[in-house]
PDB file of N, CA and C in Angstrom:
ATOM      1  N   MET A   1     -49.767 -75.635   1.520  1.00  0.00           N
ATOM      2  CA  MET A   1     -49.599 -76.186   0.236  1.00  0.00           C
ATOM      3  C   MET A   1     -50.786 -75.766  -0.556  1.00  0.00           C
ATOM      4  N   PRO A   2     -51.017 -74.535  -0.588  1.00  0.00           N
ATOM      5  CA  PRO A   2     -52.081 -74.041  -1.636  1.00  0.00           C
ATOM      6  C   PRO A   2     -51.551 -74.011  -3.004  1.00  0.00           C
ATOM      7  N   LEU A   3     -52.587 -74.136  -3.931  1.00  0.00           N
ATOM      8  CA  LEU A   3     -52.257 -73.817  -5.353  1.00  0.00           C
ATOM      9  C   LEU A   3     -52.723 -72.409  -5.491  1.00  0.00           C
ATOM     10  N   VAL A   4     -51.745 -71.546  -5.915  1.00  0.00           N
ATOM     11  CA  VAL A   4     -51.865 -70.161  -5.989  1.00  0.00           C
ATOM     12  C   VAL A   4     -51.943 -69.772  -7.507  1.00  0.00           C
ATOM     13  N   ASN A   5     -53.053 -69.254  -7.928  1.00  0.00           N
ATOM     14  CA  ASN A   5     -53.213 -68.750  -9.270  1.00  0.00           C
ATOM     15  C   ASN A   5     -53.083 -67.220  -9.194  1.00  0.00           C
ATOM     16  N   ILE A   6     -52.087 -66.629  -9.868  1.00  0.00           N
ATOM     17  CA  ILE A   6     -51.745 -65.225  -9.826  1.00  0.00           C
ATOM     18  C   ILE A   6     -51.877 -64.564 -11.186  1.00  0.00           C
ATOM     19  N   SER A   7     -52.744 -63.502 -11.146  1.00  0.00           N
ATOM     20  CA  SER A   7     -52.953 -62.756 -12.479  1.00  0.00           C
ATOM     21  C   SER A   7     -52.291 -61.374 -12.320  1.00  0.00           C
ATOM     22  N   ILE A   8     -51.396 -61.150 -13.292  1.00  0.00           N
ATOM     23  CA  ILE A   8     -50.791 -59.727 -13.319  1.00  0.00           C
ATOM     24  C   ILE A   8     -50.873 -59.150 -14.782  1.00  0.00           C
ATOM     25  N   LEU A   9     -50.589 -58.069 -14.952  1.00  0.00           N
ATOM     26  CA  LEU A   9     -50.499 -57.412 -16.238  1.00  0.00           C
ATOM     27  C   LEU A   9     -49.424 -57.859 -16.998  1.00  0.00           C
ATOM     28  N   LYS A  10     -49.687 -58.079 -18.343  1.00  0.00           N
ATOM     29  CA  LYS A  10     -48.588 -58.576 -19.282  1.00  0.00           C
ATOM     30  C   LYS A  10     -47.529 -57.558 -19.423  1.00  0.00           C
ATOM     31  N   GLY A  11     -46.262 -58.169 -19.712  1.00  0.00           N
ATOM     32  CA  GLY A  11     -45.100 -57.327 -19.864  1.00  0.00           C
ATOM     33  C   GLY A  11     -44.194 -57.094 -18.786  1.00  0.00           C
ATOM     34  N   LYS A  12     -44.481 -57.767 -17.652  1.00  0.00           N
ATOM     35  CA  LYS A  12     -43.674 -57.514 -16.499  1.00  0.00           C
ATOM     36  C   LYS A  12     -42.232 -58.197 -16.609  1.00  0.00           C
ATOM     37  N   THR A  13     -41.259 -57.780 -15.963  1.00  0.00           N
ATOM     38  CA  THR A  13     -39.928 -58.467 -15.894  1.00  0.00           C
ATOM     39  C   THR A  13     -39.878 -59.723 -15.244  1.00  0.00           C
ATOM     40  N   PRO A  14     -38.981 -60.659 -15.419  1.00  0.00           N
ATOM     41  CA  PRO A  14     -38.751 -61.765 -14.522  1.00  0.00           C
ATOM     42  C   PRO A  14     -38.656 -61.510 -13.140  1.00  0.00           C
ATOM     43  N   GLU A  15     -37.893 -60.394 -12.820  1.00  0.00           N
ATOM     44  CA  GLU A  15     -37.590 -60.043 -11.517  1.00  0.00           C
ATOM     45  C   GLU A  15     -39.022 -59.492 -10.753  1.00  0.00           C
ATOM     46  N   TYR A  16     -39.882 -58.832 -11.460  1.00  0.00           N
ATOM     47  CA  TYR A  16     -41.168 -58.486 -11.082  1.00  0.00           C
ATOM     48  C   TYR A  16     -41.992 -59.689 -10.581  1.00  0.00           C
ATOM     49  N   LYS A  17     -41.998 -60.651 -11.573  1.00  0.00           N
ATOM     50  CA  LYS A  17     -42.803 -61.953 -11.388  1.00  0.00           C
ATOM     51  C   LYS A  17     -42.244 -62.600 -10.115  1.00  0.00           C
ATOM     52  N   LYS A  18     -40.901 -62.810 -10.037  1.00  0.00           N
ATOM     53  CA  LYS A  18     -40.245 -63.369  -9.005  1.00  0.00           C
ATOM     54  C   LYS A  18     -40.574 -62.705  -7.613  1.00  0.00           C
ATOM     55  N   ALA A  19     -40.628 -61.423  -7.642  1.00  0.00           N
ATOM     56  CA  ALA A  19     -40.963 -60.668  -6.462  1.00  0.00           C
ATOM     57  C   ALA A  19     -42.381 -60.966  -5.914  1.00  0.00           C
ATOM     58  N   ILE A  20     -43.310 -61.130  -6.860  1.00  0.00           N
ATOM     59  CA  ILE A  20     -44.647 -61.430  -6.587  1.00  0.00           C
ATOM     60  C   ILE A  20     -44.740 -62.848  -6.101  1.00  0.00           C
ATOM     61  N   ALA A  21     -44.215 -63.753  -6.769  1.00  0.00           N
ATOM     62  CA  ALA A  21     -44.172 -65.166  -6.280  1.00  0.00           C
ATOM     63  C   ALA A  21     -43.669 -65.402  -5.004  1.00  0.00           C
ATOM     64  N   ASP A  22     -42.432 -64.760  -4.723  1.00  0.00           N
ATOM     65  CA  ASP A  22     -41.793 -65.001  -3.501  1.00  0.00           C
ATOM     66  C   ASP A  22     -42.432 -64.320  -2.395  1.00  0.00           C
ATOM     67  N   GLY A  23     -43.073 -63.125  -2.555  1.00  0.00           N
ATOM     68  CA  GLY A  23     -43.797 -62.459  -1.551  1.00  0.00           C
ATOM     69  C   GLY A  23     -45.123 -63.202  -1.184  1.00  0.00           C
ATOM     70  N   ILE A  24     -45.693 -63.742  -2.133  1.00  0.00           N
ATOM     71  CA  ILE A  24     -46.873 -64.599  -1.698  1.00  0.00           C
ATOM     72  C   ILE A  24     -46.525 -65.840  -1.086  1.00  0.00           C
ATOM     73  N   ASN A  25     -45.414 -66.480  -1.469  1.00  0.00           N
ATOM     74  CA  ASN A  25     -44.962 -67.714  -0.922  1.00  0.00           C
ATOM     75  C   ASN A  25     -44.446 -67.571   0.574  1.00  0.00           C
ATOM     76  N   SER A  26     -43.747 -66.387   0.793  1.00  0.00           N
ATOM     77  CA  SER A  26     -43.313 -66.292   2.077  1.00  0.00           C
ATOM     78  C   SER A  26     -44.359 -65.967   3.128  1.00  0.00           C
ATOM     79  N   ALA A  27     -45.491 -65.265   2.540  1.00  0.00           N
ATOM     80  CA  ALA A  27     -46.582 -64.960   3.328  1.00  0.00           C
ATOM     81  C   ALA A  27     -47.310 -66.164   3.823  1.00  0.00           C
ATOM     82  N   VAL A  28     -47.489 -67.198   2.816  1.00  0.00           N
ATOM     83  CA  VAL A  28     -48.184 -68.423   2.992  1.00  0.00           C
ATOM     84  C   VAL A  28     -47.454 -69.173   4.105  1.00  0.00           C
ATOM     85  N   ILE A  29     -46.045 -69.180   4.005  1.00  0.00           N
ATOM     86  CA  ILE A  29     -45.263 -70.071   4.987  1.00  0.00           C
ATOM     87  C   ILE A  29     -45.380 -69.391   6.440  1.00  0.00           C
ATOM     88  N   GLU A  30     -45.158 -68.058   6.447  1.00  0.00           N
ATOM     89  CA  GLU A  30     -45.195 -67.302   7.791  1.00  0.00           C
ATOM     90  C   GLU A  30     -46.569 -67.232   8.462  1.00  0.00           C
ATOM     91  N   THR A  31     -47.763 -67.173   7.709  1.00  0.00           N
ATOM     92  CA  THR A  31     -48.873 -66.871   8.434  1.00  0.00           C
ATOM     93  C   THR A  31     -49.727 -68.208   8.570  1.00  0.00           C
ATOM     94  N   MET A  32     -49.602 -69.106   7.645  1.00  0.00           N
ATOM     95  CA  MET A  32     -50.390 -70.434   7.681  1.00  0.00           C
ATOM     96  C   MET A  32     -49.676 -71.668   7.914  1.00  0.00           C
ATOM     97  N   GLY A  33     -48.346 -71.506   8.145  1.00  0.00           N
ATOM     98  CA  GLY A  33     -47.634 -72.704   8.548  1.00  0.00           C
ATOM     99  C   GLY A  33     -47.420 -73.778   7.536  1.00  0.00           C
ATOM    100  N   PHE A  34     -47.416 -73.495   6.227  1.00  0.00           N
ATOM    101  CA  PHE A  34     -47.086 -74.440   5.157  1.00  0.00           C
ATOM    102  C   PHE A  34     -45.627 -74.741   5.186  1.00  0.00           C
ATOM    103  N   PRO A  35     -45.126 -75.881   4.764  1.00  0.00           N
ATOM    104  CA  PRO A  35     -43.692 -76.230   4.695  1.00  0.00           C
ATOM    105  C   PRO A  35     -43.131 -75.298   3.573  1.00  0.00           C
ATOM    106  N   ASN A  36     -41.780 -75.053   3.848  1.00  0.00           N
ATOM    107  CA  ASN A  36     -40.971 -74.267   2.993  1.00  0.00           C
ATOM    108  C   ASN A  36     -40.990 -74.739   1.565  1.00  0.00           C
ATOM    109  N   ASP A  37     -40.955 -76.062   1.425  1.00  0.00           N
ATOM    110  CA  ASP A  37     -40.911 -76.566   0.074  1.00  0.00           C
ATOM    111  C   ASP A  37     -42.247 -76.858  -0.753  1.00  0.00           C
ATOM    112  N   ASP A  38     -43.315 -76.441  -0.123  1.00  0.00           N
ATOM    113  CA  ASP A  38     -44.640 -76.541  -0.661  1.00  0.00           C
ATOM    114  C   ASP A  38     -44.947 -75.268  -1.495  1.00  0.00           C
ATOM    115  N   ARG A  39     -44.459 -75.243  -2.803  1.00  0.00           N
ATOM    116  CA  ARG A  39     -44.633 -74.133  -3.614  1.00  0.00           C
ATOM    117  C   ARG A  39     -45.348 -74.629  -4.901  1.00  0.00           C
ATOM    118  N   TYR A  40     -46.597 -74.192  -5.123  1.00  0.00           N
ATOM    119  CA  TYR A  40     -47.440 -74.396  -6.308  1.00  0.00           C
ATOM    120  C   TYR A  40     -48.034 -73.196  -6.768  1.00  0.00           C
ATOM    121  N   GLN A  41     -47.453 -72.521  -7.779  1.00  0.00           N
ATOM    122  CA  GLN A  41     -48.005 -71.303  -8.270  1.00  0.00           C
ATOM    123  C   GLN A  41     -47.977 -71.156  -9.778  1.00  0.00           C
ATOM    124  N   ILE A  42     -49.042 -70.597 -10.160  1.00  0.00           N
ATOM    125  CA  ILE A  42     -49.256 -70.282 -11.636  1.00  0.00           C
ATOM    126  C   ILE A  42     -49.460 -68.768 -11.777  1.00  0.00           C
ATOM    127  N   ILE A  43     -48.585 -68.296 -12.625  1.00  0.00           N
ATOM    128  CA  ILE A  43     -48.573 -66.891 -12.864  1.00  0.00           C
ATOM    129  C   ILE A  43     -49.222 -66.550 -14.286  1.00  0.00           C
ATOM    130  N   ASN A  44     -50.181 -66.018 -14.418  1.00  0.00           N
ATOM    131  CA  ASN A  44     -50.923 -65.623 -15.670  1.00  0.00           C
ATOM    132  C   ASN A  44     -50.763 -64.208 -15.953  1.00  0.00           C
ATOM    133  N   GLU A  45     -50.148 -63.909 -17.088  1.00  0.00           N
ATOM    134  CA  GLU A  45     -49.928 -62.563 -17.514  1.00  0.00           C
ATOM    135  C   GLU A  45     -51.134 -62.160 -18.469  1.00  0.00           C
ATOM    136  N   VAL A  46     -51.808 -61.145 -18.315  1.00  0.00           N
ATOM    137  CA  VAL A  46     -52.946 -60.815 -19.234  1.00  0.00           C
ATOM    138  C   VAL A  46     -52.975 -59.189 -19.568  1.00  0.00           C
ATOM    139  N   GLU A  47     -53.612 -59.027 -20.622  1.00  0.00           N
ATOM    140  CA  GLU A  47     -53.529 -57.657 -21.155  1.00  0.00           C
ATOM    141  C   GLU A  47     -54.426 -56.724 -20.141  1.00  0.00           C
ATOM    142  N   LYS A  48     -54.029 -55.544 -20.181  1.00  0.00           N
ATOM    143  CA  LYS A  48     -54.623 -54.544 -19.248  1.00  0.00           C
ATOM    144  C   LYS A  48     -56.129 -54.595 -19.285  1.00  0.00           C
ATOM    145  N   ASP A  49     -56.746 -54.713 -20.492  1.00  0.00           N
ATOM    146  CA  ASP A  49     -58.326 -54.738 -20.497  1.00  0.00           C
ATOM    147  C   ASP A  49     -58.731 -56.216 -20.067  1.00  0.00           C
ATOM    148  N   CYS A  50     -57.908 -57.032 -19.718  1.00  0.00           N
ATOM    149  CA  CYS A  50     -58.420 -58.475 -19.267  1.00  0.00           C
ATOM    150  C   CYS A  50     -58.187 -58.679 -17.811  1.00  0.00           C
ATOM    151  N   LEU A  51     -57.748 -57.562 -17.020  1.00  0.00           N
ATOM    152  CA  LEU A  51     -57.598 -57.732 -15.711  1.00  0.00           C
ATOM    153  C   LEU A  51     -58.267 -56.532 -15.089  1.00  0.00           C
ATOM    154  N   GLU A  52     -59.641 -56.620 -15.025  1.00  0.00           N
ATOM    155  CA  GLU A  52     -60.423 -55.532 -14.508  1.00  0.00           C
ATOM    156  C   GLU A  52     -60.638 -55.737 -13.074  1.00  0.00           C
ATOM    157  N   TYR A  53     -60.294 -54.509 -12.287  1.00  0.00           N
ATOM    158  CA  TYR A  53     -60.431 -54.434 -10.911  1.00  0.00           C
ATOM    159  C   TYR A  53     -61.009 -53.104 -10.560  1.00  0.00           C
ATOM    160  N   GLN A  54     -62.361 -53.011 -10.649  1.00  0.00           N
ATOM    161  CA  GLN A  54     -63.119 -51.780 -10.481  1.00  0.00           C
ATOM    162  C   GLN A  54     -62.569 -50.771 -11.283  1.00  0.00           C
ATOM    163  N   ASP A  55     -62.167 -49.554 -10.736  1.00  0.00           N
ATOM    164  CA  ASP A  55     -61.735 -48.456 -11.561  1.00  0.00           C
ATOM    165  C   ASP A  55     -60.157 -48.380 -11.603  1.00  0.00           C
ATOM    166  N   ARG A  56     -59.468 -49.372 -11.216  1.00  0.00           N
ATOM    167  CA  ARG A  56     -58.025 -49.256 -11.067  1.00  0.00           C
ATOM    168  C   ARG A  56     -57.387 -49.315 -12.528  1.00  0.00           C
ATOM    169  N   ASP A  57     -56.522 -48.427 -12.865  1.00  0.00           N
ATOM    170  CA  ASP A  57     -55.868 -48.361 -14.112  1.00  0.00           C
ATOM    171  C   ASP A  57     -54.363 -48.670 -14.006  1.00  0.00           C
ATOM    172  N   ASN A  58     -53.836 -48.529 -12.698  1.00  0.00           N
ATOM    173  CA  ASN A  58     -52.439 -48.761 -12.627  1.00  0.00           C
ATOM    174  C   ASN A  58     -52.175 -50.251 -12.184  1.00  0.00           C
ATOM    175  N   ASP A  59     -50.899 -50.408 -11.725  1.00  0.00           N
ATOM    176  CA  ASP A  59     -50.415 -51.836 -11.327  1.00  0.00           C
ATOM    177  C   ASP A  59     -51.565 -52.473 -10.486  1.00  0.00           C
ATOM    178  N   ARG A  60     -51.762 -53.823 -10.714  1.00  0.00           N
ATOM    179  CA  ARG A  60     -52.630 -54.430  -9.819  1.00  0.00           C
ATOM    180  C   ARG A  60     -52.411 -56.001  -9.918  1.00  0.00           C
ATOM    181  N   VAL A  61     -52.837 -56.787  -8.961  1.00  0.00           N
ATOM    182  CA  VAL A  61     -52.719 -58.293  -9.001  1.00  0.00           C
ATOM    183  C   VAL A  61     -53.956 -58.843  -8.297  1.00  0.00           C
ATOM    184  N   MET A  62     -54.359 -59.912  -8.907  1.00  0.00           N
ATOM    185  CA  MET A  62     -55.442 -60.731  -8.377  1.00  0.00           C
ATOM    186  C   MET A  62     -54.923 -62.129  -8.230  1.00  0.00           C
ATOM    187  N   MET A  63     -55.383 -62.691  -7.125  1.00  0.00           N
ATOM    188  CA  MET A  63     -54.939 -64.027  -6.838  1.00  0.00           C
ATOM    189  C   MET A  63     -55.965 -64.891  -6.138  1.00  0.00           C
ATOM    190  N   PHE A  64     -56.052 -66.143  -6.447  1.00  0.00           N
ATOM    191  CA  PHE A  64     -56.820 -67.076  -5.694  1.00  0.00           C
ATOM    192  C   PHE A  64     -56.023 -68.252  -5.309  1.00  0.00           C
ATOM    193  N   LEU A  65     -56.313 -68.629  -4.058  1.00  0.00           N
ATOM    194  CA  LEU A  65     -55.648 -69.867  -3.577  1.00  0.00           C
ATOM    195  C   LEU A  65     -56.663 -70.928  -3.404  1.00  0.00           C
ATOM    196  N   ILE A  66     -56.307 -72.134  -3.651  1.00  0.00           N
ATOM    197  CA  ILE A  66     -57.149 -73.387  -3.427  1.00  0.00           C
ATOM    198  C   ILE A  66     -56.254 -74.185  -2.482  1.00  0.00           C
ATOM    199  N   MET A  67     -56.825 -74.400  -1.272  1.00  0.00           N
ATOM    200  CA  MET A  67     -56.116 -75.154  -0.192  1.00  0.00           C
ATOM    201  C   MET A  67     -57.097 -76.017   0.592  1.00  0.00           C
ATOM    202  N   ARG A  68     -56.464 -77.010   1.290  1.00  0.00           N
ATOM    203  CA  ARG A  68     -57.241 -77.760   2.200  1.00  0.00           C
ATOM    204  C   ARG A  68     -57.819 -76.966   3.214  1.00  0.00           C
ATOM    205  N   ALA A  69     -59.037 -77.287   3.684  1.00  0.00           N
ATOM    206  CA  ALA A  69     -59.841 -76.614   4.729  1.00  0.00           C
ATOM    207  C   ALA A  69     -59.109 -76.776   6.063  1.00  0.00           C
ATOM    208  N   GLY A  70     -59.335 -75.759   6.851  1.00  0.00           N
ATOM    209  CA  GLY A  70     -58.719 -75.818   8.341  1.00  0.00           C
ATOM    210  C   GLY A  70     -58.054 -74.700   8.821  1.00  0.00           C
ATOM    211  N   ARG A  71     -57.590 -73.665   8.035  1.00  0.00           N
ATOM    212  CA  ARG A  71     -56.942 -72.577   8.526  1.00  0.00           C
ATOM    213  C   ARG A  71     -57.836 -71.577   9.178  1.00  0.00           C
ATOM    214  N   SER A  72     -57.564 -71.007  10.266  1.00  0.00           N
ATOM    215  CA  SER A  72     -58.417 -70.083  10.860  1.00  0.00           C
ATOM    216  C   SER A  72     -58.561 -68.735  10.191  1.00  0.00           C
ATOM    217  N   ASN A  73     -59.597 -68.095  10.651  1.00  0.00           N
ATOM    218  CA  ASN A  73     -59.823 -66.627  10.116  1.00  0.00           C
ATOM    219  C   ASN A  73     -58.727 -65.864  10.434  1.00  0.00           C
ATOM    220  N   LYS A  74     -58.212 -65.903  11.621  1.00  0.00           N
ATOM    221  CA  LYS A  74     -57.075 -65.105  12.059  1.00  0.00           C
ATOM    222  C   LYS A  74     -55.843 -65.387  11.186  1.00  0.00           C
ATOM    223  N   ALA A  75     -55.513 -66.539  10.829  1.00  0.00           N
ATOM    224  CA  ALA A  75     -54.430 -66.939   9.944  1.00  0.00           C
ATOM    225  C   ALA A  75     -54.636 -66.306   8.465  1.00  0.00           C
ATOM    226  N   LYS A  76     -55.891 -66.493   8.002  1.00  0.00           N
ATOM    227  CA  LYS A  76     -56.188 -65.941   6.775  1.00  0.00           C
ATOM    228  C   LYS A  76     -56.038 -64.449   6.725  1.00  0.00           C
ATOM    229  N   GLN A  77     -56.545 -63.822   7.819  1.00  0.00           N
ATOM    230  CA  GLN A  77     -56.378 -62.276   7.853  1.00  0.00           C
ATOM    231  C   GLN A  77     -54.874 -61.892   7.934  1.00  0.00           C
ATOM    232  N   ALA A  78     -54.178 -62.671   8.785  1.00  0.00           N
ATOM    233  CA  ALA A  78     -52.688 -62.405   8.707  1.00  0.00           C
ATOM    234  C   ALA A  78     -52.043 -62.502   7.285  1.00  0.00           C
ATOM    235  N   PHE A  79     -52.483 -63.563   6.661  1.00  0.00           N
ATOM    236  CA  PHE A  79     -51.935 -63.790   5.226  1.00  0.00           C
ATOM    237  C   PHE A  79     -52.277 -62.635   4.327  1.00  0.00           C
ATOM    238  N   TYR A  80     -53.442 -62.177   4.347  1.00  0.00           N
ATOM    239  CA  TYR A  80     -53.809 -61.012   3.539  1.00  0.00           C
ATOM    240  C   TYR A  80     -52.968 -59.787   3.795  1.00  0.00           C
ATOM    241  N   LYS A  81     -52.852 -59.500   5.012  1.00  0.00           N
ATOM    242  CA  LYS A  81     -51.916 -58.444   5.447  1.00  0.00           C
ATOM    243  C   LYS A  81     -50.549 -58.472   5.020  1.00  0.00           C
ATOM    244  N   LYS A  82     -49.970 -59.690   5.226  1.00  0.00           N
ATOM    245  CA  LYS A  82     -48.640 -59.950   4.914  1.00  0.00           C
ATOM    246  C   LYS A  82     -48.357 -59.888   3.436  1.00  0.00           C
ATOM    247  N   VAL A  83     -49.240 -60.518   2.539  1.00  0.00           N
ATOM    248  CA  VAL A  83     -49.077 -60.311   1.156  1.00  0.00           C
ATOM    249  C   VAL A  83     -49.059 -58.861   0.689  1.00  0.00           C
ATOM    250  N   ALA A  84     -50.077 -58.117   1.266  1.00  0.00           N
ATOM    251  CA  ALA A  84     -50.251 -56.684   0.872  1.00  0.00           C
ATOM    252  C   ALA A  84     -48.917 -55.968   1.344  1.00  0.00           C
ATOM    253  N   ASP A  85     -48.332 -56.221   2.572  1.00  0.00           N
ATOM    254  CA  ASP A  85     -47.070 -55.684   2.951  1.00  0.00           C
ATOM    255  C   ASP A  85     -45.973 -56.066   1.926  1.00  0.00           C
ATOM    256  N   ASN A  86     -45.914 -57.311   1.702  1.00  0.00           N
ATOM    257  CA  ASN A  86     -44.755 -57.813   0.803  1.00  0.00           C
ATOM    258  C   ASN A  86     -44.735 -57.238  -0.510  1.00  0.00           C
ATOM    259  N   LEU A  87     -46.062 -57.264  -1.067  1.00  0.00           N
ATOM    260  CA  LEU A  87     -46.031 -56.760  -2.457  1.00  0.00           C
ATOM    261  C   LEU A  87     -45.835 -55.220  -2.643  1.00  0.00           C
ATOM    262  N   ALA A  88     -46.286 -54.563  -1.563  1.00  0.00           N
ATOM    263  CA  ALA A  88     -46.071 -52.987  -1.480  1.00  0.00           C
ATOM    264  C   ALA A  88     -44.516 -52.824  -1.532  1.00  0.00           C
ATOM    265  N   ASN A  89     -43.960 -53.696  -0.642  1.00  0.00           N
ATOM    266  CA  ASN A  89     -42.462 -53.429  -0.402  1.00  0.00           C
ATOM    267  C   ASN A  89     -41.761 -53.836  -1.771  1.00  0.00           C
ATOM    268  N   ASN A  90     -42.140 -54.895  -2.393  1.00  0.00           N
ATOM    269  CA  ASN A  90     -41.379 -55.416  -3.637  1.00  0.00           C
ATOM    270  C   ASN A  90     -42.379 -56.311  -4.385  1.00  0.00           C
ATOM    271  N   PRO A  91     -42.862 -55.885  -5.546  1.00  0.00           N
ATOM    272  CA  PRO A  91     -42.284 -54.993  -6.440  1.00  0.00           C
ATOM    273  C   PRO A  91     -43.018 -53.578  -6.427  1.00  0.00           C
ATOM    274  N   GLY A  92     -43.703 -53.180  -5.444  1.00  0.00           N
ATOM    275  CA  GLY A  92     -44.286 -51.822  -5.223  1.00  0.00           C
ATOM    276  C   GLY A  92     -45.797 -51.801  -5.700  1.00  0.00           C
ATOM    277  N   ILE A  93     -46.579 -52.748  -5.439  1.00  0.00           N
ATOM    278  CA  ILE A  93     -47.943 -52.742  -5.817  1.00  0.00           C
ATOM    279  C   ILE A  93     -48.691 -52.097  -4.554  1.00  0.00           C
ATOM    280  N   PRO A  94     -49.539 -51.133  -4.893  1.00  0.00           N
ATOM    281  CA  PRO A  94     -50.288 -50.402  -3.861  1.00  0.00           C
ATOM    282  C   PRO A  94     -51.203 -51.550  -3.233  1.00  0.00           C
ATOM    283  N   PRO A  95     -51.222 -51.589  -1.909  1.00  0.00           N
ATOM    284  CA  PRO A  95     -52.150 -52.558  -1.218  1.00  0.00           C
ATOM    285  C   PRO A  95     -53.519 -52.536  -1.677  1.00  0.00           C
ATOM    286  N   GLU A  96     -54.027 -51.308  -1.950  1.00  0.00           N
ATOM    287  CA  GLU A  96     -55.592 -51.297  -2.439  1.00  0.00           C
ATOM    288  C   GLU A  96     -55.671 -51.799  -3.790  1.00  0.00           C
ATOM    289  N   ASN A  97     -54.586 -52.326  -4.502  1.00  0.00           N
ATOM    290  CA  ASN A  97     -54.714 -52.905  -5.883  1.00  0.00           C
ATOM    291  C   ASN A  97     -54.319 -54.421  -5.681  1.00  0.00           C
ATOM    292  N   ILE A  98     -54.595 -55.046  -4.637  1.00  0.00           N
ATOM    293  CA  ILE A  98     -54.258 -56.459  -4.532  1.00  0.00           C
ATOM    294  C   ILE A  98     -55.611 -57.129  -4.065  1.00  0.00           C
ATOM    295  N   LEU A  99     -56.139 -58.034  -4.840  1.00  0.00           N
ATOM    296  CA  LEU A  99     -57.283 -58.789  -4.510  1.00  0.00           C
ATOM    297  C   LEU A  99     -56.978 -60.156  -4.297  1.00  0.00           C
ATOM    298  N   ILE A 100     -57.414 -60.850  -3.156  1.00  0.00           N
ATOM    299  CA  ILE A 100     -57.114 -62.193  -2.674  1.00  0.00           C
ATOM    300  C   ILE A 100     -58.283 -62.868  -2.470  1.00  0.00           C
ATOM    301  N   THR A 101     -58.475 -64.084  -2.888  1.00  0.00           N
ATOM    302  CA  THR A 101     -59.603 -64.984  -2.391  1.00  0.00           C
ATOM    303  C   THR A 101     -58.955 -66.341  -2.278  1.00  0.00           C
ATOM    304  N   ILE A 102     -59.619 -66.969  -1.238  1.00  0.00           N
ATOM    305  CA  ILE A 102     -59.327 -68.434  -0.832  1.00  0.00           C
ATOM    306  C   ILE A 102     -60.414 -69.374  -1.001  1.00  0.00           C
ATOM    307  N   VAL A 103     -60.245 -70.512  -1.676  1.00  0.00           N
ATOM    308  CA  VAL A 103     -61.329 -71.547  -1.855  1.00  0.00           C
ATOM    309  C   VAL A 103     -60.643 -72.718  -1.125  1.00  0.00           C
ATOM    310  N   GLU A 104     -61.427 -73.357  -0.284  1.00  0.00           N
ATOM    311  CA  GLU A 104     -60.916 -74.496   0.509  1.00  0.00           C
ATOM    312  C   GLU A 104     -61.681 -75.752  -0.028  1.00  0.00           C
ATOM    313  N   ASN A 105     -60.868 -76.840   0.059  1.00  0.00           N
ATOM    314  CA  ASN A 105     -61.454 -78.127  -0.322  1.00  0.00           C
ATOM    315  C   ASN A 105     -60.964 -79.213   0.785  1.00  0.00           C
ATOM    316  N   HIS A 106     -61.030 -80.545   0.287  1.00  0.00           N
ATOM    317  CA  HIS A 106     -60.793 -81.587   1.392  1.00  0.00           C
ATOM    318  C   HIS A 106     -59.649 -82.409   0.983  1.00  0.00           C
ATOM    319  N   ASP A 107     -59.141 -83.312   1.834  1.00  0.00           N
ATOM    320  CA  ASP A 107     -58.007 -84.192   1.489  1.00  0.00           C
ATOM    321  C   ASP A 107     -58.200 -85.003   0.178  1.00  0.00           C
ATOM    322  N   ILE A 108     -59.316 -85.450  -0.055  1.00  0.00           N
ATOM    323  CA  ILE A 108     -59.631 -86.272  -1.160  1.00  0.00           C
ATOM    324  C   ILE A 108     -59.387 -85.467  -2.535  1.00  0.00           C
ATOM    325  N   ASP A 109     -59.392 -84.095  -2.442  1.00  0.00           N
ATOM    326  CA  ASP A 109     -59.349 -83.270  -3.614  1.00  0.00           C
ATOM    327  C   ASP A 109     -58.009 -83.037  -4.174  1.00  0.00           C
ATOM    328  N   TRP A 110     -57.061 -83.736  -3.638  1.00  0.00           N
ATOM    329  CA  TRP A 110     -55.644 -83.406  -4.124  1.00  0.00           C
ATOM    330  C   TRP A 110     -54.933 -84.805  -4.537  1.00  0.00           C
ATOM    331  N   SER A 111     -54.361 -84.590  -5.756  1.00  0.00           N
ATOM    332  CA  SER A 111     -53.379 -85.693  -6.238  1.00  0.00           C
ATOM    333  C   SER A 111     -52.083 -85.018  -6.774  1.00  0.00           C
ATOM    334  N   PHE A 112     -51.022 -85.270  -6.077  1.00  0.00           N
ATOM    335  CA  PHE A 112     -49.786 -84.524  -6.606  1.00  0.00           C
ATOM    336  C   PHE A 112     -49.024 -85.431  -7.624  1.00  0.00           C
ATOM    337  N   ARG A 113     -49.287 -86.756  -7.689  1.00  0.00           N
ATOM    338  CA  ARG A 113     -48.625 -87.484  -8.693  1.00  0.00           C
ATOM    339  C   ARG A 113     -49.147 -88.896  -8.632  1.00  0.00           C
ATOM    340  N   ASP A 114     -48.914 -89.570  -9.663  1.00  0.00           N
ATOM    341  CA  ASP A 114     -49.274 -91.054  -9.819  1.00  0.00           C
ATOM    342  C   ASP A 114     -50.666 -91.465  -9.691  1.00  0.00           C
ATOM    343  N   GLY A 115     -51.585 -90.551  -9.813  1.00  0.00           N
ATOM    344  CA  GLY A 115     -52.945 -90.764  -9.834  1.00  0.00           C
ATOM    345  C   GLY A 115     -53.470 -91.227  -8.363  1.00  0.00           C
ATOM    346  N   ILE A 116     -52.802 -90.863  -7.380  1.00  0.00           N
ATOM    347  CA  ILE A 116     -53.039 -91.203  -5.960  1.00  0.00           C
ATOM    348  C   ILE A 116     -53.440 -89.955  -5.210  1.00  0.00           C
ATOM    349  N   ALA A 117     -54.464 -90.056  -4.302  1.00  0.00           N
ATOM    350  CA  ALA A 117     -54.818 -88.931  -3.400  1.00  0.00           C
ATOM    351  C   ALA A 117     -53.966 -89.183  -2.166  1.00  0.00           C
ATOM    352  N   GLN A 118     -52.759 -88.578  -2.177  1.00  0.00           N
ATOM    353  CA  GLN A 118     -51.793 -88.690  -1.115  1.00  0.00           C
ATOM    354  C   GLN A 118     -52.190 -88.501   0.263  1.00  0.00           C
ATOM    355  N   PHE A 119     -53.262 -87.560   0.478  1.00  0.00           N
ATOM    356  CA  PHE A 119     -53.707 -87.302   1.803  1.00  0.00           C
ATOM    357  C   PHE A 119     -54.507 -88.391   2.363  1.00  0.00           C
ATOM    358  N   VAL A 120     -55.084 -89.144   1.608  1.00  0.00           N
ATOM    359  CA  VAL A 120     -56.114 -90.224   2.058  1.00  0.00           C
ATOM    360  C   VAL A 120     -55.667 -91.643   1.886  1.00  0.00           C
ATOM    361  N   VAL A 121     -54.369 -91.780   1.439  1.00  0.00           N
ATOM    362  CA  VAL A 121     -53.819 -93.216   1.300  1.00  0.00           C
ATOM    363  C   VAL A 121     -53.392 -93.733   2.633  1.00  0.00           C
TER     364      VAL A 121
END
């Protein structure tokens, strides 16, 4: 159940955005064991000059996940690889143009609704 913030270049089709969202979500489920219905994603479309990734001029994506602490290094590495494979396959982003970072927090840091920290109630 990570919150996934995804930044892509502006002007992409709905199919492109769905491919990215689905590719990331399936990687989270497959490699880190999150439930199928835990999908929290924000896709930000930005101008080319507002998505700087070293010297890359072509298609690229940057994402960061915020999630509860506890996943192993091995699971995270598998996630990185699976995302790169998925997005290379569809919509065709070169793996070298995919940046991923994960930030972990604790049970008390989440409220899904009603002003309640559901993990600590």
